[in-house]
């Protein structure tokens, strides 16, 4: 019994030519796409550039410093600010923002507030007494790199309003509340007492290095 073999149909030269054209077209298309994307990213026709046209800073005033910065406290507070509508649920109208405020408070002693008899020296110049006002607290200095909005919830009306306004919500109120809470925490802490102690140690060491045997530092007024 003999079996007949079927020979595969021959590919005509015209068909081969069409396949070559198709392969070349696909390769060319891929090259054009890749080249176009590279050229687009390099040229960036719709990209923007930042130009700083700010004027140079102008010196408005110079003030001589006559105080000793005796201590610095670092504080962090979480501000939870919620604003609700009277007759609407929070999902419709209302906002709640959690803001992390971090910053420092300086405690200083103002030497310019010293009286004329603030320093007394014994006749033999071995003892000195200095009378100083207690340390004061400077305004909190919030660190923008460590202060941020942790969470922000908005009702439907607030979302629509923010979308139409095209600008983010004002965060000045959050910063003011953070400064207020940090100030309260600094007042309740021992920062001013630490500043008084550091000032006393500084003045005692300085005067003893000048030859005084005994140095007394007294603080006047309310702490």
N, C-alpha and C. Protein backbone atom coordinates (compact mmCIF):
# COMPACT_ATOMS: atom_id res chain seq x y z
N UNK A 1 0.86 -1.18 0.00
CA UNK A 1 0.00 0.00 0.00
C UNK A 1 0.89 1.23 0.00
N UNK A 2 0.67 2.06 -0.96
CA UNK A 2 1.50 3.25 -1.08
C UNK A 2 0.72 4.46 -0.61
N UNK A 3 1.45 5.38 0.06
CA UNK A 3 0.82 6.62 0.56
C UNK A 3 1.31 7.75 -0.29
N UNK A 4 0.43 8.61 -0.60
CA UNK A 4 0.78 9.77 -1.42
C UNK A 4 1.15 10.95 -0.52
N UNK A 5 2.24 11.57 -0.83
CA UNK A 5 2.70 12.73 -0.07
C UNK A 5 2.21 14.00 -0.75
N UNK A 6 1.73 14.89 0.15
CA UNK A 6 1.27 16.18 -0.37
C UNK A 6 2.37 17.20 -0.18
N UNK A 7 2.75 17.82 -1.19
CA UNK A 7 3.80 18.86 -1.10
C UNK A 7 3.17 20.17 -0.71
N UNK A 8 3.84 20.95 0.22
CA UNK A 8 3.29 22.24 0.65
C UNK A 8 3.24 23.18 -0.52
N UNK A 9 2.24 24.02 -0.49
CA UNK A 9 2.14 24.95 -1.60
C UNK A 9 3.31 25.91 -1.60
N UNK A 10 3.80 26.14 -2.77
CA UNK A 10 4.93 27.05 -2.89
C UNK A 10 4.47 28.49 -2.65
N UNK A 11 5.37 29.24 -1.97
CA UNK A 11 5.10 30.65 -1.72
C UNK A 11 5.60 31.43 -2.91
N UNK A 12 4.72 32.14 -3.46
CA UNK A 12 5.07 32.89 -4.66
C UNK A 12 5.95 34.07 -4.29
N UNK A 13 6.79 34.54 -5.21
CA UNK A 13 7.64 35.71 -4.91
C UNK A 13 6.83 36.94 -4.54
N UNK A 14 5.66 37.11 -5.12
CA UNK A 14 4.85 38.28 -4.77
C UNK A 14 4.38 38.23 -3.33
N UNK A 15 4.04 37.03 -2.86
CA UNK A 15 3.60 36.91 -1.48
C UNK A 15 4.74 37.18 -0.51
N UNK A 16 5.93 36.65 -0.87
CA UNK A 16 7.09 36.92 -0.02
C UNK A 16 7.34 38.43 0.07
N UNK A 17 7.22 39.07 -1.04
CA UNK A 17 7.48 40.49 -1.08
C UNK A 17 6.50 41.26 -0.19
N UNK A 18 5.24 40.83 -0.18
CA UNK A 18 4.24 41.51 0.67
C UNK A 18 4.57 41.33 2.15
N UNK A 19 5.01 40.11 2.53
CA UNK A 19 5.37 39.89 3.92
C UNK A 19 6.57 40.75 4.33
N UNK A 20 7.52 40.87 3.42
CA UNK A 20 8.68 41.71 3.73
C UNK A 20 8.27 43.17 3.90
N UNK A 21 7.40 43.64 3.04
CA UNK A 21 6.91 45.01 3.16
C UNK A 21 6.18 45.23 4.48
N UNK A 22 5.37 44.22 4.84
CA UNK A 22 4.61 44.34 6.09
C UNK A 22 5.55 44.37 7.31
N UNK A 23 6.57 43.49 7.30
CA UNK A 23 7.52 43.47 8.42
C UNK A 23 8.30 44.78 8.50
N UNK A 24 8.72 45.29 7.32
CA UNK A 24 9.44 46.55 7.31
C UNK A 24 8.56 47.70 7.79
N UNK A 25 7.28 47.65 7.41
CA UNK A 25 6.36 48.69 7.86
C UNK A 25 6.18 48.66 9.38
N UNK A 26 6.07 47.45 9.95
CA UNK A 26 5.91 47.34 11.41
C UNK A 26 7.16 47.83 12.13
N UNK A 27 8.34 47.45 11.61
CA UNK A 27 9.58 47.93 12.24
C UNK A 27 9.67 49.45 12.16
N UNK A 28 9.34 50.00 10.99
CA UNK A 28 9.38 51.44 10.83
C UNK A 28 8.39 52.14 11.77
N UNK A 29 7.19 51.55 11.94
CA UNK A 29 6.19 52.14 12.84
C UNK A 29 6.68 52.15 14.28
N UNK A 30 7.31 51.04 14.69
CA UNK A 30 7.84 50.97 16.06
C UNK A 30 8.93 52.01 16.26
N UNK A 31 9.82 52.13 15.26
CA UNK A 31 10.90 53.12 15.36
C UNK A 31 10.35 54.54 15.41
N UNK A 32 9.30 54.81 14.63
CA UNK A 32 8.71 56.14 14.65
C UNK A 32 8.07 56.45 16.00
N UNK A 33 7.37 55.46 16.58
CA UNK A 33 6.73 55.67 17.88
C UNK A 33 7.78 55.92 18.96
N UNK A 34 8.82 55.08 18.99
CA UNK A 34 9.86 55.25 20.01
C UNK A 34 10.60 56.57 19.81
N UNK A 35 10.94 56.87 18.55
CA UNK A 35 11.62 58.12 18.29
C UNK A 35 10.77 59.34 18.61
N UNK A 36 9.47 59.24 18.30
CA UNK A 36 8.58 60.35 18.62
C UNK A 36 8.47 60.60 20.10
N UNK A 37 8.38 59.52 20.89
CA UNK A 37 8.29 59.69 22.33
C UNK A 37 9.57 60.28 22.91
N UNK A 38 10.72 59.82 22.38
CA UNK A 38 11.98 60.39 22.86
C UNK A 38 12.09 61.87 22.49
N UNK A 39 11.70 62.20 21.26
CA UNK A 39 11.76 63.60 20.85
C UNK A 39 10.79 64.45 21.63
N UNK A 40 9.60 63.91 21.92
CA UNK A 40 8.59 64.65 22.69
C UNK A 40 9.09 64.95 24.10
N UNK A 41 9.66 63.91 24.73
CA UNK A 41 10.16 64.11 26.10
C UNK A 41 11.36 65.05 26.13
N UNK A 42 12.14 65.07 25.03
CA UNK A 42 13.31 65.96 25.00
C UNK A 42 12.92 67.40 24.70
N UNK A 43 12.03 67.57 23.70
CA UNK A 43 11.61 68.92 23.34
C UNK A 43 10.62 69.48 24.35
N UNK A 44 9.68 68.63 24.83
CA UNK A 44 8.67 69.04 25.81
C UNK A 44 7.97 70.33 25.38
N UNK A 45 7.20 70.30 24.26
CA UNK A 45 6.62 71.54 23.74
C UNK A 45 5.61 72.18 24.67
N UNK A 46 4.91 71.37 25.47
CA UNK A 46 3.91 71.93 26.38
C UNK A 46 4.42 72.04 27.81
N UNK A 47 5.69 71.77 28.00
CA UNK A 47 6.25 71.87 29.35
C UNK A 47 6.43 73.31 29.77
N UNK A 48 6.56 73.50 31.05
CA UNK A 48 6.74 74.85 31.59
C UNK A 48 8.11 75.01 32.19
N UNK A 49 8.46 76.22 32.43
CA UNK A 49 9.70 76.54 33.09
C UNK A 49 9.45 77.59 34.15
N UNK A 50 10.24 77.51 35.20
CA UNK A 50 10.09 78.42 36.33
C UNK A 50 11.14 79.52 36.21
N UNK A 51 10.66 80.76 36.20
CA UNK A 51 11.54 81.92 36.10
C UNK A 51 11.35 82.77 37.35
N UNK A 52 12.42 82.98 38.07
CA UNK A 52 12.38 83.79 39.29
C UNK A 52 12.69 85.23 38.94
N UNK A 53 11.66 86.08 38.94
CA UNK A 53 11.82 87.50 38.67
C UNK A 53 11.68 88.34 39.94
N UNK A 54 11.87 87.70 41.06
CA UNK A 54 11.75 88.43 42.33
C UNK A 54 12.83 89.49 42.43
N UNK A 55 12.47 90.57 43.08
CA UNK A 55 13.42 91.66 43.31
C UNK A 55 14.34 91.28 44.48
N UNK A 56 15.54 91.83 44.53
CA UNK A 56 16.44 91.54 45.66
C UNK A 56 15.85 92.05 46.97
N UNK A 57 16.20 91.37 48.05
CA UNK A 57 15.69 91.75 49.37
C UNK A 57 16.24 93.12 49.78
N UNK A 58 15.38 93.90 50.41
CA UNK A 58 15.75 95.24 50.85
C UNK A 58 15.88 95.26 52.36
N UNK A 59 16.94 95.83 52.85
CA UNK A 59 17.14 95.98 54.29
C UNK A 59 16.29 97.15 54.78
N UNK A 60 15.36 96.85 55.67
CA UNK A 60 14.46 97.88 56.17
C UNK A 60 14.94 98.47 57.49
N UNK A 61 15.51 97.65 58.34
CA UNK A 61 15.99 98.19 59.61
C UNK A 61 17.01 97.24 60.22
N UNK A 62 17.83 97.78 61.10
CA UNK A 62 18.80 97.00 61.87
C UNK A 62 18.56 97.30 63.34
N UNK A 63 18.44 96.25 64.12
CA UNK A 63 18.17 96.41 65.55
C UNK A 63 19.25 95.68 66.34
N UNK A 64 19.88 96.39 67.23
CA UNK A 64 20.89 95.78 68.08
C UNK A 64 20.22 94.82 69.06
N UNK A 65 20.81 93.64 69.19
CA UNK A 65 20.26 92.64 70.10
C UNK A 65 20.92 92.79 71.46
N UNK A 66 20.13 92.88 72.48
CA UNK A 66 20.64 93.02 73.84
C UNK A 66 19.98 91.99 74.74
N UNK A 67 19.90 90.78 74.24
CA UNK A 67 19.29 89.72 75.03
C UNK A 67 20.07 88.43 74.82
N UNK A 68 19.93 87.55 75.75
CA UNK A 68 20.63 86.27 75.74
C UNK A 68 19.61 85.17 75.52
N UNK A 69 19.76 84.44 74.41
CA UNK A 69 18.87 83.30 74.15
C UNK A 69 19.36 82.14 74.99
N UNK A 70 18.60 81.82 76.03
CA UNK A 70 19.08 80.89 77.04
C UNK A 70 18.59 79.48 76.85
N UNK A 71 17.50 79.26 76.14
CA UNK A 71 16.97 77.91 75.97
C UNK A 71 16.00 77.90 74.79
N UNK A 72 15.84 76.73 74.21
CA UNK A 72 14.92 76.53 73.10
C UNK A 72 14.15 75.24 73.32
N UNK A 73 12.84 75.33 73.19
CA UNK A 73 11.99 74.14 73.33
C UNK A 73 11.38 73.76 71.98
N UNK A 74 11.35 72.47 71.69
CA UNK A 74 10.75 71.96 70.46
C UNK A 74 9.42 71.29 70.81
N UNK A 75 8.37 71.68 70.09
CA UNK A 75 7.03 71.20 70.40
C UNK A 75 6.36 70.68 69.13
N UNK A 76 5.38 69.79 69.35
CA UNK A 76 4.56 69.28 68.26
C UNK A 76 3.13 69.14 68.77
N UNK A 77 2.18 69.57 67.96
CA UNK A 77 0.78 69.54 68.37
C UNK A 77 -0.06 69.09 67.18
N UNK A 78 -1.16 68.40 67.46
CA UNK A 78 -2.12 67.98 66.43
C UNK A 78 -3.37 68.83 66.59
N UNK A 79 -3.67 69.62 65.58
CA UNK A 79 -4.85 70.49 65.58
C UNK A 79 -5.99 69.73 64.90
N UNK A 80 -7.10 69.58 65.60
CA UNK A 80 -8.29 68.91 65.07
C UNK A 80 -9.39 69.97 64.93
N UNK A 81 -9.53 70.49 63.72
CA UNK A 81 -10.47 71.59 63.46
C UNK A 81 -11.66 71.07 62.67
N UNK A 82 -12.85 71.22 63.24
CA UNK A 82 -14.08 70.75 62.60
C UNK A 82 -15.06 71.91 62.47
N UNK A 83 -15.65 72.04 61.29
CA UNK A 83 -16.65 73.06 61.02
C UNK A 83 -17.90 72.37 60.48
N UNK A 84 -19.01 72.52 61.19
CA UNK A 84 -20.26 71.86 60.83
C UNK A 84 -21.32 72.88 60.46
N UNK A 85 -22.26 72.47 59.63
CA UNK A 85 -23.43 73.27 59.31
C UNK A 85 -24.52 73.01 60.35
N UNK A 86 -25.37 73.99 60.59
CA UNK A 86 -26.37 73.86 61.64
C UNK A 86 -27.41 72.79 61.34
N UNK A 87 -27.91 72.74 60.09
CA UNK A 87 -29.03 71.87 59.79
C UNK A 87 -28.71 70.86 58.69
N UNK A 88 -27.44 70.64 58.41
CA UNK A 88 -27.07 69.70 57.35
C UNK A 88 -26.09 68.68 57.92
N UNK A 89 -26.16 67.43 57.45
CA UNK A 89 -25.19 66.43 57.92
C UNK A 89 -23.79 66.72 57.39
N UNK A 90 -22.81 66.10 58.04
CA UNK A 90 -21.42 66.35 57.66
C UNK A 90 -21.12 65.87 56.24
N UNK A 91 -21.83 64.84 55.78
CA UNK A 91 -21.57 64.34 54.43
C UNK A 91 -21.99 65.35 53.37
N UNK A 92 -22.90 66.26 53.72
CA UNK A 92 -23.38 67.25 52.76
C UNK A 92 -22.61 68.56 52.91
N UNK A 93 -22.50 69.04 54.14
CA UNK A 93 -21.84 70.32 54.40
C UNK A 93 -21.05 70.23 55.69
N UNK A 94 -19.75 70.46 55.61
CA UNK A 94 -18.92 70.41 56.80
C UNK A 94 -17.50 69.95 56.45
N UNK A 95 -16.56 70.36 57.25
CA UNK A 95 -15.16 69.97 57.06
C UNK A 95 -14.55 69.59 58.39
N UNK A 96 -13.55 68.72 58.30
CA UNK A 96 -12.75 68.36 59.47
C UNK A 96 -11.32 68.17 59.00
N UNK A 97 -10.39 68.86 59.66
CA UNK A 97 -8.99 68.84 59.25
C UNK A 97 -8.11 68.49 60.44
N UNK A 98 -7.22 67.56 60.21
CA UNK A 98 -6.20 67.21 61.20
C UNK A 98 -4.87 67.77 60.71
N UNK A 99 -4.29 68.64 61.50
CA UNK A 99 -3.07 69.34 61.11
C UNK A 99 -1.99 69.10 62.15
N UNK A 100 -0.83 68.68 61.71
CA UNK A 100 0.31 68.47 62.60
C UNK A 100 1.20 69.71 62.53
N UNK A 101 1.32 70.40 63.66
CA UNK A 101 2.16 71.59 63.74
C UNK A 101 3.39 71.32 64.59
N UNK A 102 4.56 71.61 64.05
CA UNK A 102 5.81 71.39 64.77
C UNK A 102 6.65 72.65 64.69
N UNK A 103 7.26 73.00 65.79
CA UNK A 103 8.07 74.21 65.80
C UNK A 103 8.80 74.39 67.12
N UNK A 104 9.53 75.48 67.21
CA UNK A 104 10.31 75.74 68.40
C UNK A 104 9.94 77.07 69.04
N UNK A 105 10.23 77.17 70.32
CA UNK A 105 10.00 78.39 71.10
C UNK A 105 11.30 78.73 71.83
N UNK A 106 11.76 79.95 71.63
CA UNK A 106 12.99 80.41 72.28
C UNK A 106 12.65 81.12 73.59
N UNK A 107 13.46 80.88 74.58
CA UNK A 107 13.36 81.59 75.86
C UNK A 107 14.61 82.46 76.01
N UNK A 108 14.41 83.74 76.30
CA UNK A 108 15.53 84.67 76.33
C UNK A 108 15.41 85.59 77.54
N UNK A 109 16.56 86.15 77.92
CA UNK A 109 16.62 87.14 78.99
C UNK A 109 17.01 88.47 78.36
N UNK A 110 16.19 89.49 78.61
CA UNK A 110 16.39 90.81 78.02
C UNK A 110 17.30 91.64 78.92
N UNK A 111 18.54 91.82 78.48
CA UNK A 111 19.49 92.61 79.27
C UNK A 111 19.18 94.10 79.20
N UNK A 112 18.44 94.53 78.18
CA UNK A 112 18.13 95.95 78.09
C UNK A 112 17.15 96.40 79.17
N UNK A 113 16.47 95.45 79.81
CA UNK A 113 15.52 95.78 80.88
C UNK A 113 16.19 95.90 82.24
N UNK A 114 17.50 95.73 82.29
CA UNK A 114 18.21 95.84 83.55
C UNK A 114 18.28 97.30 84.01
N UNK A 115 18.12 97.52 85.31
CA UNK A 115 18.18 98.85 85.86
C UNK A 115 19.61 99.35 86.01
N UNK A 116 19.71 100.60 86.46
CA UNK A 116 21.04 101.20 86.62
C UNK A 116 21.83 100.55 87.75
N UNK A 117 21.13 100.04 88.75
CA UNK A 117 21.81 99.38 89.88
C UNK A 117 21.72 97.87 89.76
N UNK A 118 21.66 97.37 88.54
CA UNK A 118 21.52 95.92 88.35
C UNK A 118 22.79 95.17 88.69
N UNK A 119 23.93 95.84 88.62
CA UNK A 119 25.22 95.19 88.91
C UNK A 119 25.91 95.94 90.03
N UNK A 120 26.20 95.24 91.09
CA UNK A 120 26.95 95.83 92.21
C UNK A 120 28.20 94.99 92.46
N UNK A 121 29.28 95.68 92.77
CA UNK A 121 30.58 95.01 92.98
C UNK A 121 31.11 95.42 94.34
N UNK A 122 31.66 94.47 95.07
CA UNK A 122 32.23 94.76 96.39
C UNK A 122 33.47 95.64 96.24
N UNK A 123 33.83 96.38 97.31
CA UNK A 123 35.00 97.28 97.23
C UNK A 123 36.29 96.55 96.84
N UNK A 124 36.46 95.33 97.30
CA UNK A 124 37.69 94.61 96.97
C UNK A 124 37.59 93.87 95.63
N UNK A 125 36.46 94.05 94.94
CA UNK A 125 36.23 93.46 93.61
C UNK A 125 36.41 91.94 93.60
N UNK A 126 35.91 91.34 94.65
CA UNK A 126 35.93 89.88 94.71
C UNK A 126 34.52 89.29 94.64
N UNK A 127 33.51 90.14 94.88
CA UNK A 127 32.12 89.68 94.85
C UNK A 127 31.32 90.57 93.91
N UNK A 128 30.37 89.96 93.19
CA UNK A 128 29.51 90.70 92.26
C UNK A 128 28.09 90.16 92.38
N UNK A 129 27.16 91.08 92.31
CA UNK A 129 25.74 90.71 92.35
C UNK A 129 25.06 91.30 91.12
N UNK A 130 24.30 90.46 90.43
CA UNK A 130 23.62 90.88 89.20
C UNK A 130 22.13 90.60 89.37
N UNK A 131 21.33 91.60 89.06
CA UNK A 131 19.87 91.46 89.14
C UNK A 131 19.29 91.52 87.73
N UNK A 132 18.55 90.48 87.37
CA UNK A 132 18.04 90.34 86.00
C UNK A 132 16.54 90.10 86.01
N UNK A 133 15.86 90.47 84.94
CA UNK A 133 14.46 90.06 84.79
C UNK A 133 14.39 88.58 84.41
N UNK A 134 13.29 87.97 84.72
CA UNK A 134 13.11 86.56 84.37
C UNK A 134 13.04 86.39 82.85
N UNK A 135 13.28 85.19 82.42
CA UNK A 135 13.27 84.88 80.99
C UNK A 135 11.87 85.04 80.42
N UNK A 136 11.81 85.42 79.17
CA UNK A 136 10.56 85.55 78.43
C UNK A 136 10.54 84.56 77.27
N UNK A 137 9.36 84.34 76.74
CA UNK A 137 9.19 83.40 75.64
C UNK A 137 8.98 84.16 74.34
N UNK A 138 9.69 83.73 73.33
CA UNK A 138 9.51 84.29 72.00
C UNK A 138 8.30 83.65 71.33
N UNK A 139 7.80 84.28 70.28
CA UNK A 139 6.69 83.73 69.52
C UNK A 139 7.10 82.40 68.88
N UNK A 140 6.22 81.41 68.85
CA UNK A 140 6.58 80.12 68.24
C UNK A 140 6.99 80.29 66.78
N UNK A 141 7.96 79.51 66.40
CA UNK A 141 8.44 79.50 65.02
C UNK A 141 8.13 78.14 64.42
N UNK A 142 7.04 78.06 63.64
CA UNK A 142 6.64 76.78 63.06
C UNK A 142 7.59 76.38 61.94
N UNK A 143 7.91 75.10 61.92
CA UNK A 143 8.77 74.54 60.89
C UNK A 143 7.88 74.03 59.75
N UNK A 144 7.93 74.70 58.60
CA UNK A 144 7.07 74.32 57.48
C UNK A 144 7.39 72.93 56.95
N UNK A 145 8.63 72.50 57.06
CA UNK A 145 9.00 71.18 56.56
C UNK A 145 8.45 70.06 57.43
N UNK A 146 8.06 70.36 58.67
CA UNK A 146 7.51 69.33 59.55
C UNK A 146 6.07 69.60 59.95
N UNK A 147 5.44 70.61 59.36
CA UNK A 147 4.04 70.93 59.62
C UNK A 147 3.23 70.61 58.36
N UNK A 148 2.18 69.84 58.52
CA UNK A 148 1.44 69.38 57.34
C UNK A 148 0.01 68.98 57.74
N UNK A 149 -0.86 68.91 56.73
CA UNK A 149 -2.24 68.44 56.92
C UNK A 149 -2.22 66.93 56.89
N UNK A 150 -2.64 66.31 57.97
CA UNK A 150 -2.63 64.86 58.08
C UNK A 150 -3.86 64.23 57.44
N UNK A 151 -5.00 64.84 57.61
CA UNK A 151 -6.25 64.32 57.03
C UNK A 151 -7.20 65.48 56.82
N UNK A 152 -8.02 65.37 55.77
CA UNK A 152 -8.95 66.45 55.44
C UNK A 152 -10.23 65.83 54.88
N UNK A 153 -11.31 66.00 55.62
CA UNK A 153 -12.61 65.49 55.22
C UNK A 153 -13.52 66.65 54.86
N UNK A 154 -14.24 66.50 53.74
CA UNK A 154 -15.11 67.57 53.26
C UNK A 154 -16.46 67.00 52.85
N UNK A 155 -17.50 67.80 53.07
CA UNK A 155 -18.82 67.43 52.59
C UNK A 155 -18.95 67.67 51.09
N UNK A 156 -20.09 67.24 50.56
CA UNK A 156 -20.30 67.36 49.12
C UNK A 156 -20.25 68.81 48.66
N UNK A 157 -20.94 69.69 49.36
CA UNK A 157 -20.95 71.10 48.98
C UNK A 157 -19.55 71.71 49.05
N UNK A 158 -18.77 71.32 50.05
CA UNK A 158 -17.42 71.85 50.20
C UNK A 158 -16.51 71.36 49.07
N UNK A 159 -16.70 70.11 48.64
CA UNK A 159 -15.90 69.59 47.52
C UNK A 159 -16.21 70.36 46.24
N UNK A 160 -17.49 70.61 46.00
CA UNK A 160 -17.88 71.35 44.80
C UNK A 160 -17.34 72.77 44.86
N UNK A 161 -17.42 73.38 46.03
CA UNK A 161 -16.93 74.75 46.18
C UNK A 161 -15.42 74.83 45.95
N UNK A 162 -14.66 73.87 46.50
CA UNK A 162 -13.21 73.86 46.29
C UNK A 162 -12.88 73.61 44.83
N UNK A 163 -13.68 72.76 44.16
CA UNK A 163 -13.43 72.48 42.74
C UNK A 163 -13.67 73.71 41.88
N UNK A 164 -14.74 74.43 42.19
CA UNK A 164 -15.05 75.62 41.40
C UNK A 164 -14.09 76.77 41.68
N UNK A 165 -13.61 76.86 42.90
CA UNK A 165 -12.69 77.95 43.23
C UNK A 165 -11.32 77.73 42.63
N UNK A 166 -10.94 76.46 42.45
CA UNK A 166 -9.65 76.16 41.83
C UNK A 166 -8.46 76.45 42.70
N UNK A 167 -8.66 76.66 43.99
CA UNK A 167 -7.54 76.95 44.89
C UNK A 167 -7.74 76.15 46.17
N UNK A 168 -6.65 75.68 46.78
CA UNK A 168 -6.78 74.92 48.02
C UNK A 168 -7.26 75.80 49.17
N UNK A 169 -7.73 75.14 50.20
CA UNK A 169 -8.24 75.86 51.35
C UNK A 169 -7.14 76.63 52.07
N UNK A 170 -7.54 77.72 52.69
CA UNK A 170 -6.59 78.55 53.41
C UNK A 170 -6.18 77.85 54.70
N UNK A 171 -4.88 77.76 54.93
CA UNK A 171 -4.37 77.05 56.10
C UNK A 171 -3.88 78.01 57.19
N UNK A 172 -4.14 79.30 57.03
CA UNK A 172 -3.67 80.26 58.03
C UNK A 172 -4.31 79.99 59.39
N UNK A 173 -5.58 79.63 59.38
CA UNK A 173 -6.25 79.35 60.66
C UNK A 173 -5.61 78.17 61.37
N UNK A 174 -5.20 77.16 60.60
CA UNK A 174 -4.55 76.00 61.20
C UNK A 174 -3.21 76.38 61.82
N UNK A 175 -2.45 77.21 61.11
CA UNK A 175 -1.16 77.64 61.64
C UNK A 175 -1.34 78.50 62.90
N UNK A 176 -2.34 79.37 62.89
CA UNK A 176 -2.58 80.20 64.07
C UNK A 176 -2.98 79.36 65.28
N UNK A 177 -3.83 78.37 65.06
CA UNK A 177 -4.23 77.49 66.16
C UNK A 177 -3.04 76.68 66.67
N UNK A 178 -2.19 76.22 65.76
CA UNK A 178 -1.01 75.48 66.18
C UNK A 178 -0.07 76.37 67.00
N UNK A 179 0.12 77.61 66.56
CA UNK A 179 0.97 78.53 67.33
C UNK A 179 0.39 78.79 68.71
N UNK A 180 -0.93 78.95 68.78
CA UNK A 180 -1.56 79.20 70.08
C UNK A 180 -1.36 78.03 71.03
N UNK A 181 -1.56 76.81 70.53
CA UNK A 181 -1.42 75.63 71.39
C UNK A 181 0.03 75.41 71.79
N UNK A 182 0.97 75.69 70.88
CA UNK A 182 2.38 75.54 71.23
C UNK A 182 2.78 76.58 72.27
N UNK A 183 2.24 77.79 72.14
CA UNK A 183 2.52 78.82 73.15
C UNK A 183 2.02 78.39 74.52
N UNK A 184 0.81 77.86 74.58
CA UNK A 184 0.27 77.39 75.85
C UNK A 184 1.12 76.27 76.43
N UNK A 185 1.60 75.37 75.57
CA UNK A 185 2.45 74.28 76.06
C UNK A 185 3.79 74.80 76.56
N UNK A 186 4.33 75.82 75.89
CA UNK A 186 5.61 76.39 76.33
C UNK A 186 5.46 77.10 77.67
N UNK A 187 4.34 77.81 77.86
CA UNK A 187 4.11 78.50 79.13
C UNK A 187 3.97 77.50 80.26
N UNK A 188 3.30 76.38 79.99
CA UNK A 188 3.11 75.38 81.04
C UNK A 188 4.36 74.55 81.32
N UNK A 189 5.35 74.60 80.44
CA UNK A 189 6.56 73.81 80.63
C UNK A 189 7.55 74.56 81.53
N UNK A 190 8.70 73.93 81.75
CA UNK A 190 9.76 74.56 82.56
C UNK A 190 10.78 75.25 81.68
N UNK A 191 10.37 75.70 80.50
CA UNK A 191 11.31 76.32 79.57
C UNK A 191 11.89 77.60 80.13
N UNK A 192 11.06 78.46 80.73
CA UNK A 192 11.57 79.71 81.28
C UNK A 192 12.48 79.47 82.49
N UNK A 193 12.12 78.50 83.33
CA UNK A 193 12.99 78.18 84.46
C UNK A 193 14.34 77.65 83.99
N UNK A 194 14.32 76.85 82.91
CA UNK A 194 15.58 76.36 82.36
C UNK A 194 16.41 77.52 81.80
N UNK A 195 15.76 78.49 81.18
CA UNK A 195 16.46 79.65 80.65
C UNK A 195 17.08 80.48 81.77
N UNK A 196 16.35 80.65 82.87
CA UNK A 196 16.91 81.38 84.02
C UNK A 196 18.15 80.68 84.54
N UNK A 197 18.08 79.35 84.66
CA UNK A 197 19.23 78.61 85.19
C UNK A 197 20.42 78.70 84.24
N UNK A 198 20.17 78.62 82.93
CA UNK A 198 21.27 78.71 81.97
C UNK A 198 21.91 80.10 81.98
N UNK A 199 21.08 81.13 82.12
CA UNK A 199 21.61 82.50 82.17
C UNK A 199 22.46 82.69 83.43
N UNK A 200 21.99 82.17 84.53
CA UNK A 200 22.75 82.27 85.78
C UNK A 200 24.09 81.57 85.66
N UNK A 201 24.09 80.38 85.07
CA UNK A 201 25.35 79.64 84.91
C UNK A 201 26.30 80.37 83.97
N UNK A 202 25.78 80.98 82.92
CA UNK A 202 26.62 81.69 81.96
C UNK A 202 27.29 82.90 82.62
N UNK A 203 26.49 83.71 83.31
CA UNK A 203 27.04 84.91 83.94
C UNK A 203 28.01 84.57 85.07
N UNK A 204 27.69 83.54 85.83
CA UNK A 204 28.60 83.15 86.92
C UNK A 204 29.94 82.69 86.36
N UNK A 205 29.91 81.86 85.32
CA UNK A 205 31.16 81.40 84.74
C UNK A 205 31.96 82.53 84.12
N UNK A 206 31.30 83.48 83.48
CA UNK A 206 32.01 84.57 82.84
C UNK A 206 32.67 85.49 83.86
N UNK A 207 31.94 85.85 84.93
CA UNK A 207 32.51 86.76 85.92
C UNK A 207 33.59 86.09 86.76
N UNK A 208 33.44 84.81 87.02
CA UNK A 208 34.50 84.11 87.76
C UNK A 208 35.77 84.00 86.93
N UNK A 209 35.61 83.90 85.62
CA UNK A 209 36.81 83.87 84.77
C UNK A 209 37.51 85.23 84.76
N UNK A 210 36.78 86.30 85.14
CA UNK A 210 37.37 87.63 85.23
C UNK A 210 38.00 87.91 86.59
N UNK A 211 37.93 86.96 87.51
CA UNK A 211 38.61 87.12 88.80
C UNK A 211 37.70 87.25 90.00
N UNK A 212 36.38 87.30 89.80
CA UNK A 212 35.47 87.40 90.95
C UNK A 212 35.38 86.05 91.66
N UNK A 213 35.46 86.12 92.98
CA UNK A 213 35.40 84.90 93.78
C UNK A 213 33.96 84.41 93.99
N UNK A 214 33.06 85.35 94.15
CA UNK A 214 31.68 85.01 94.43
C UNK A 214 30.77 85.81 93.50
N UNK A 215 29.86 85.13 92.85
CA UNK A 215 28.93 85.77 91.92
C UNK A 215 27.52 85.37 92.31
N UNK A 216 26.68 86.38 92.51
CA UNK A 216 25.28 86.15 92.87
C UNK A 216 24.41 86.71 91.75
N UNK A 217 23.53 85.85 91.21
CA UNK A 217 22.61 86.25 90.16
C UNK A 217 21.20 86.15 90.72
N UNK A 218 20.51 87.28 90.74
CA UNK A 218 19.14 87.32 91.27
C UNK A 218 18.18 87.74 90.14
N UNK A 219 17.01 87.13 90.17
CA UNK A 219 15.96 87.45 89.18
C UNK A 219 14.86 88.21 89.87
N UNK A 220 14.44 89.31 89.28
CA UNK A 220 13.44 90.18 89.85
C UNK A 220 12.14 90.08 89.05
N UNK A 221 11.04 90.46 89.67
CA UNK A 221 9.76 90.44 89.00
C UNK A 221 9.13 89.06 89.00
N UNK A 222 7.98 88.98 88.33
CA UNK A 222 7.26 87.72 88.26
C UNK A 222 7.91 86.79 87.24
N UNK A 223 8.01 85.50 87.56
CA UNK A 223 8.60 84.54 86.61
C UNK A 223 7.67 84.31 85.42
